Amino acid sequence: MKKFLSALLIAGVFLTGCKDKTAEVQKQDFSNGPVVTEDTETREEKILRMIQICVEDYNTDSIAHVEDSLKTEIQPMPLELDSLPEITSLNQLTEIKADGSNADYAGTYKIDDKYNVTFYIYHPNGGYFWLNGDVEFTVNPEYIVRDAPEFAEYKAVLDDLLPRAQLIQNYLTGFDVTFEEEATLDGIYHRVLYMNDQAPMSIEQMRAEAESVFDKKFLEDTYYYNAFESQTPVYREVDGVLYCLDSMMTGSPDNQYDTSTIIAAVDNGGKVTINLLTTVMDQTLPYIKEITIISTNNGYRLPSSI
């Protein structure tokens, strides 16, 4: 009998507790949508957390994975660095004005005497850094040695490849080509008159010139199909005459690499990665760029667009 009474008491307490909680839920106002927990994290705390995610990705060699998953390109860490210092407070950074950028926050951090990194955050919402931010590495101008003798070989290679690479990229997309106004082949192809003010090349000559600058597989994967092989390629050649499709393509960006400012280079089994700077209107900028050349039986080649 006592056990039976105890069970009834417990059941009553349980039902009373459930009723109280049900009543409490029913009192909540859902008329304006779901009840959202108040965000108590400050803007500074969100920015710090996002930057820490960025630093962790560099220090755990996760950048390649991020690039692949987001289908984007991320500024690589300078070759002479193995890791980035941990950041535990925004006081470690100097907030700067992000000229020419729509970033909500820009903060610079001194990695060492030679290198700095700037974090740009466009939406400081505490979310994933790479969906809301970007980074830029710079070098202290005092550490730039122009025409450093240890990089003379790579400078000579780049001085030969880079100017020709720009022309080839333009040619393969039908840019920097002068042709007759009237389309005289199949109603859509125009006879080529000049290629960068020079006599037009044949398709065979164009391929040969391209392969003297770029890796052949890269050309086949990236340019050749559209340029020469598709149903309506950029170029057709009939009876020794070169014709071009008026595709309204624009030229590729002209990256003015300053080959006198190579600051680091690493040769990894014939794949040479180089850090250098660029120029704008003859002014050298401190932003570090990375370019790669690969060694082949016929000399160095570029494995990708510039």
Protein backbone atom coordinates (compact mmCIF):
# COMPACT_ATOMS: atom_id res chain seq x y z
CA MET A 1 0.00 0.00 0.00
CA LYS A 2 2.84 2.39 0.89
CA LYS A 3 4.58 1.62 -2.43
CA PHE A 4 1.34 2.37 -4.28
CA LEU A 5 0.93 5.76 -2.53
CA SER A 6 4.57 6.65 -3.23
CA ALA A 7 4.10 5.91 -6.90
CA LEU A 8 1.01 8.12 -7.02
CA LEU A 9 2.88 10.98 -5.34
CA ILE A 10 5.82 10.71 -7.77
CA ALA A 11 3.48 10.60 -10.76
CA GLY A 12 1.68 13.68 -9.45
CA VAL A 13 4.89 15.62 -9.02
CA PHE A 14 6.03 14.60 -12.52
CA LEU A 15 2.73 15.62 -14.12
CA THR A 16 2.71 18.92 -12.21
CA GLY A 17 6.29 19.64 -13.42
CA CYS A 18 5.32 18.85 -17.01
CA LYS A 19 2.25 21.08 -16.77
CA ASP A 20 4.36 23.93 -15.39
CA LYS A 21 6.91 23.60 -18.23
CA THR A 22 4.18 23.30 -20.85
CA ALA A 23 2.52 26.42 -19.49
CA GLU A 24 5.88 28.21 -19.53
CA VAL A 25 6.42 27.31 -23.21
CA GLN A 26 2.89 28.37 -24.06
CA LYS A 27 3.53 31.78 -22.50
CA GLN A 28 6.46 32.46 -24.93
CA ASP A 29 5.61 34.75 -27.82
CA PHE A 30 6.29 33.13 -31.21
CA SER A 31 4.22 35.63 -33.18
CA ASN A 32 7.36 37.20 -34.74
CA GLY A 33 9.07 33.90 -35.54
CA PRO A 34 11.33 31.55 -33.56
CA VAL A 35 12.87 32.83 -30.35
CA VAL A 36 16.55 33.61 -31.02
CA THR A 37 19.17 33.54 -28.30
CA GLU A 38 20.70 36.96 -27.79
CA ASP A 39 24.16 37.41 -29.33
CA THR A 40 26.38 38.58 -26.49
CA GLU A 41 29.70 38.34 -28.38
CA THR A 42 31.26 41.72 -29.16
CA ARG A 43 32.45 42.77 -32.62
CA GLU A 44 36.05 42.58 -31.40
CA GLU A 45 35.60 39.05 -30.07
CA LYS A 46 34.15 37.94 -33.41
CA ILE A 47 37.03 39.51 -35.35
CA LEU A 48 39.61 37.88 -33.09
CA ARG A 49 38.00 34.45 -33.45
CA MET A 50 37.92 34.78 -37.24
CA ILE A 51 41.58 35.78 -37.39
CA GLN A 52 42.51 32.85 -35.16
CA ILE A 53 40.79 30.50 -37.62
CA CYS A 54 42.89 32.01 -40.41
CA VAL A 55 46.15 31.60 -38.48
CA GLU A 56 45.29 28.02 -37.58
CA ASP A 57 44.67 27.13 -41.24
CA TYR A 58 48.13 28.39 -42.19
CA ASN A 59 49.84 26.67 -39.27
CA THR A 60 48.16 23.31 -39.93
CA ASP A 61 48.88 23.36 -43.68
CA SER A 62 45.16 23.50 -44.44
CA ILE A 63 45.28 26.25 -47.08
CA ALA A 64 45.31 23.86 -50.04
CA HIS A 65 42.25 22.07 -48.64
CA VAL A 66 40.43 25.39 -48.13
CA GLU A 67 41.26 26.47 -51.70
CA ASP A 68 39.94 23.20 -53.08
CA SER A 69 36.72 23.23 -51.03
CA LEU A 70 35.93 26.89 -51.77
CA LYS A 71 37.29 26.85 -55.37
CA THR A 72 39.36 29.94 -54.69
CA GLU A 73 42.97 31.10 -54.41
CA ILE A 74 44.46 32.19 -51.10
CA GLN A 75 47.63 34.20 -50.59
CA PRO A 76 50.35 31.68 -49.70
CA MET A 77 52.59 32.23 -46.71
CA PRO A 78 56.04 33.65 -47.64
CA LEU A 79 58.55 30.92 -48.43
CA GLU A 80 60.88 31.88 -45.60
CA LEU A 81 58.18 31.39 -42.94
CA ASP A 82 57.16 28.08 -41.39
CA SER A 83 54.24 29.38 -39.34
CA LEU A 84 52.40 32.47 -38.14
CA PRO A 85 52.51 33.61 -34.50
CA GLU A 86 49.43 32.90 -32.42
CA ILE A 87 47.18 35.91 -31.89
CA THR A 88 45.39 36.08 -28.54
CA SER A 89 44.26 39.70 -28.58
CA LEU A 90 43.41 42.34 -31.17
CA ASN A 91 45.81 44.59 -29.27
CA GLN A 92 48.60 42.65 -30.98
CA LEU A 93 47.45 44.10 -34.32
CA THR A 94 47.52 47.65 -35.61
CA GLU A 95 44.19 48.59 -37.13
CA ILE A 96 44.68 50.43 -40.42
CA LYS A 97 42.56 52.19 -42.99
CA ALA A 98 41.83 49.72 -45.78
CA ASP A 99 42.43 51.99 -48.78
CA GLY A 100 40.75 50.73 -51.93
CA SER A 101 38.99 47.95 -50.02
CA ASN A 102 35.46 47.55 -48.69
CA ALA A 103 36.73 45.71 -45.62
CA ASP A 104 34.98 46.51 -42.37
CA TYR A 105 38.19 45.76 -40.46
CA ALA A 106 41.86 45.71 -41.50
CA GLY A 107 44.61 44.92 -39.02
CA THR A 108 48.36 44.50 -39.54
CA TYR A 109 50.59 42.21 -37.53
CA LYS A 110 54.40 42.20 -37.52
CA ILE A 111 55.50 38.59 -38.00
CA ASP A 112 59.19 39.39 -37.71
CA ASP A 113 61.54 42.17 -38.76
CA LYS A 114 61.15 41.24 -42.44
CA TYR A 115 57.51 40.24 -42.89
CA ASN A 116 54.07 41.59 -41.98
CA VAL A 117 50.59 40.19 -42.52
CA THR A 118 47.36 42.17 -42.88
CA PHE A 119 43.97 40.61 -42.18
CA TYR A 120 40.94 42.04 -44.00
CA ILE A 121 37.47 41.20 -42.72
CA TYR A 122 34.46 42.26 -44.76
CA HIS A 123 31.72 40.92 -42.49
CA PRO A 124 32.82 40.62 -38.83
CA ASN A 125 30.07 38.15 -37.96
CA GLY A 126 32.22 35.58 -36.20
CA GLY A 127 31.76 33.14 -39.08
CA TYR A 128 34.27 31.30 -41.23
CA PHE A 129 37.19 33.61 -42.03
CA TRP A 130 37.66 32.61 -45.67
CA LEU A 131 34.05 33.38 -46.55
CA ASN A 132 34.33 36.82 -44.98
CA GLY A 133 37.99 37.83 -45.14
CA ASP A 134 41.34 37.89 -46.89
CA VAL A 135 45.04 38.24 -46.07
CA GLU A 136 48.01 40.02 -47.58
CA PHE A 137 51.68 39.49 -46.82
CA THR A 138 54.17 42.33 -47.19
CA VAL A 139 57.92 42.69 -46.86
CA ASN A 140 59.87 45.43 -45.12
CA PRO A 141 61.51 47.50 -47.92
CA GLU A 142 64.76 47.51 -45.98
CA TYR A 143 65.10 43.78 -46.71
CA ILE A 144 64.69 44.06 -50.48
CA VAL A 145 68.00 43.40 -52.26
CA ARG A 146 67.65 44.20 -55.94
CA ASP A 147 69.23 41.77 -58.41
CA ALA A 148 70.46 39.49 -55.64
CA PRO A 149 73.19 37.32 -57.21
CA GLU A 150 71.84 34.08 -55.70
CA PHE A 151 68.67 34.51 -57.77
CA ALA A 152 70.33 35.57 -61.05
CA GLU A 153 69.40 32.33 -62.86
CA TYR A 154 65.73 32.59 -61.95
CA LYS A 155 65.63 36.27 -62.84
CA ALA A 156 66.98 35.49 -66.33
CA VAL A 157 64.37 32.75 -66.78
CA LEU A 158 61.51 35.02 -65.73
CA ASP A 159 62.77 37.89 -67.88
CA ASP A 160 62.50 35.57 -70.88
CA LEU A 161 59.21 33.81 -70.05
CA LEU A 162 56.99 36.52 -68.57
CA PRO A 163 56.75 38.96 -71.51
CA ARG A 164 56.08 36.12 -73.96
CA ALA A 165 53.58 34.50 -71.60
CA GLN A 166 51.43 37.61 -71.59
CA LEU A 167 51.31 37.71 -75.39
CA ILE A 168 50.57 34.00 -75.71
CA GLN A 169 47.71 34.15 -73.21
CA ASN A 170 46.20 36.99 -75.21
CA TYR A 171 46.68 35.26 -78.56
CA LEU A 172 45.08 32.02 -77.39
CA THR A 173 41.90 33.87 -76.44
CA GLY A 174 41.78 35.96 -79.60
CA PHE A 175 42.87 39.17 -77.92
CA ASP A 176 45.55 41.53 -79.24
CA VAL A 177 44.72 40.30 -82.76
CA THR A 178 43.83 42.61 -85.65
CA PHE A 179 41.56 41.15 -88.33
CA GLU A 180 39.46 42.23 -91.30
CA GLU A 181 36.14 43.82 -90.46
CA GLU A 182 34.12 41.51 -92.69
CA ALA A 183 33.69 37.86 -91.66
CA THR A 184 34.62 35.98 -94.83
CA LEU A 185 34.77 32.40 -93.52
CA ASP A 186 31.49 30.72 -92.53
CA GLY A 187 30.08 34.15 -91.81
CA ILE A 188 31.76 34.34 -88.40
CA TYR A 189 35.53 34.13 -88.99
CA HIS A 190 37.69 37.12 -89.88
CA ARG A 191 41.00 36.97 -91.70
CA VAL A 192 43.83 37.84 -89.31
CA LEU A 193 45.98 40.78 -90.40
CA TYR A 194 48.32 41.24 -87.42
CA MET A 195 49.10 39.69 -84.06
CA ASN A 196 50.46 42.41 -81.79
CA ASP A 197 51.49 44.39 -84.89
CA GLN A 198 53.41 41.39 -86.25
CA ALA A 199 52.56 39.09 -89.16
CA PRO A 200 50.04 36.40 -88.13
CA MET A 201 51.36 33.02 -87.03
CA SER A 202 50.03 29.70 -88.21
CA ILE A 203 48.28 27.48 -85.68
CA GLU A 204 51.36 25.24 -85.65
CA GLN A 205 53.58 28.25 -84.92
CA MET A 206 51.21 29.42 -82.19
CA ARG A 207 51.35 26.02 -80.50
CA ALA A 208 55.15 25.95 -80.73
CA GLU A 209 55.48 29.42 -79.25
CA ALA A 210 53.05 28.58 -76.45
CA GLU A 211 54.92 25.38 -75.61
CA SER A 212 58.20 27.27 -75.41
CA VAL A 213 56.68 29.25 -72.52
CA PHE A 214 54.07 27.07 -70.81
CA ASP A 215 53.86 23.44 -69.76
CA LYS A 216 52.18 21.51 -72.61
CA LYS A 217 49.68 19.68 -70.39
CA PHE A 218 48.56 22.98 -68.88
CA LEU A 219 47.97 24.36 -72.39
CA GLU A 220 46.00 21.27 -73.40
CA ASP A 221 43.87 21.42 -70.25
CA THR A 222 43.29 25.17 -70.30
CA TYR A 223 43.61 26.74 -73.76
CA TYR A 224 43.95 24.40 -76.73
CA TYR A 225 40.40 23.07 -76.91
CA ASN A 226 38.76 26.50 -77.12
CA ALA A 227 41.54 27.96 -79.26
CA PHE A 228 41.90 25.25 -81.89
CA GLU A 229 39.79 22.12 -81.32
CA SER A 230 36.17 22.89 -80.40
CA GLN A 231 33.29 22.97 -82.88
CA THR A 232 33.76 26.74 -83.20
CA PRO A 233 37.36 27.36 -82.08
CA VAL A 234 38.88 30.80 -81.74
CA TYR A 235 41.11 30.08 -84.76
CA ARG A 236 40.73 28.26 -88.04
CA GLU A 237 43.32 27.92 -90.75
CA VAL A 238 42.32 27.43 -94.41
CA ASP A 239 44.82 27.22 -97.27
CA GLY A 240 47.54 28.74 -95.12
CA VAL A 241 45.38 31.70 -94.08
CA LEU A 242 44.61 32.25 -90.38
CA TYR A 243 41.07 33.26 -89.40
CA CYS A 244 39.87 34.40 -85.98
CA LEU A 245 36.47 34.30 -84.35
CA ASP A 246 35.30 37.70 -83.16
CA SER A 247 34.63 36.40 -79.65
CA MET A 248 34.74 39.78 -77.89
CA MET A 249 37.26 38.33 -75.44
CA THR A 250 39.30 40.65 -73.27
CA GLY A 251 42.99 40.27 -72.53
CA SER A 252 44.30 38.70 -69.37
CA PRO A 253 45.48 41.02 -66.58
CA ASP A 254 48.99 42.32 -67.11
CA ASN A 255 50.85 41.42 -63.94
CA GLN A 256 54.00 43.52 -63.83
CA TYR A 257 56.33 41.29 -61.86
CA ASP A 258 59.50 43.08 -60.81
CA THR A 259 62.09 40.36 -61.39
CA SER A 260 64.80 42.46 -59.77
CA THR A 261 63.05 42.03 -56.41
CA ILE A 262 63.19 38.25 -55.91
CA ILE A 263 63.32 37.81 -52.14
CA ALA A 264 63.18 34.02 -51.80
CA ALA A 265 63.16 30.88 -53.95
CA VAL A 266 62.76 27.17 -53.18
CA ASP A 267 63.64 24.38 -55.63
CA ASN A 268 61.60 21.27 -54.85
CA GLY A 269 62.78 18.64 -57.31
CA GLY A 270 62.70 20.87 -60.38
CA LYS A 271 59.63 22.83 -59.30
CA VAL A 272 60.89 26.26 -58.30
CA THR A 273 58.65 28.52 -56.23
CA ILE A 274 59.66 32.18 -56.18
CA ASN A 275 58.63 35.13 -54.01
CA LEU A 276 58.92 38.55 -55.62
CA LEU A 277 57.17 41.90 -55.84
CA THR A 278 55.23 43.75 -58.53
CA THR A 279 55.27 47.27 -59.89
CA VAL A 280 52.50 49.72 -60.71
CA MET A 281 53.42 52.81 -62.73
CA ASP A 282 57.12 52.06 -62.12
CA GLN A 283 56.58 51.96 -58.36
CA THR A 284 57.49 48.75 -56.57
CA LEU A 285 54.80 47.56 -54.16
CA PRO A 286 55.60 45.69 -50.93
CA TYR A 287 52.97 42.97 -51.49
CA ILE A 288 54.54 39.52 -51.88
CA LYS A 289 53.57 37.51 -54.94
CA GLU A 290 54.36 33.89 -55.69
CA ILE A 291 55.21 32.46 -59.09
CA THR A 292 56.32 28.94 -60.05
CA ILE A 293 58.50 27.62 -62.86
CA ILE A 294 59.19 23.96 -63.63
CA SER A 295 62.31 22.42 -65.12
CA THR A 296 61.84 20.37 -68.32
CA ASN A 297 64.16 18.74 -70.84
CA ASN A 298 63.76 21.88 -72.96
CA GLY A 299 64.33 24.41 -70.19
CA TYR A 300 62.06 26.08 -67.66
CA ARG A 301 58.34 26.47 -68.32
CA LEU A 302 55.41 28.12 -66.55
CA PRO A 303 52.88 25.58 -65.19
CA SER A 304 49.98 28.03 -65.06
CA SER A 305 48.74 31.43 -66.23
CA ILE A 306 50.46 34.53 -64.92
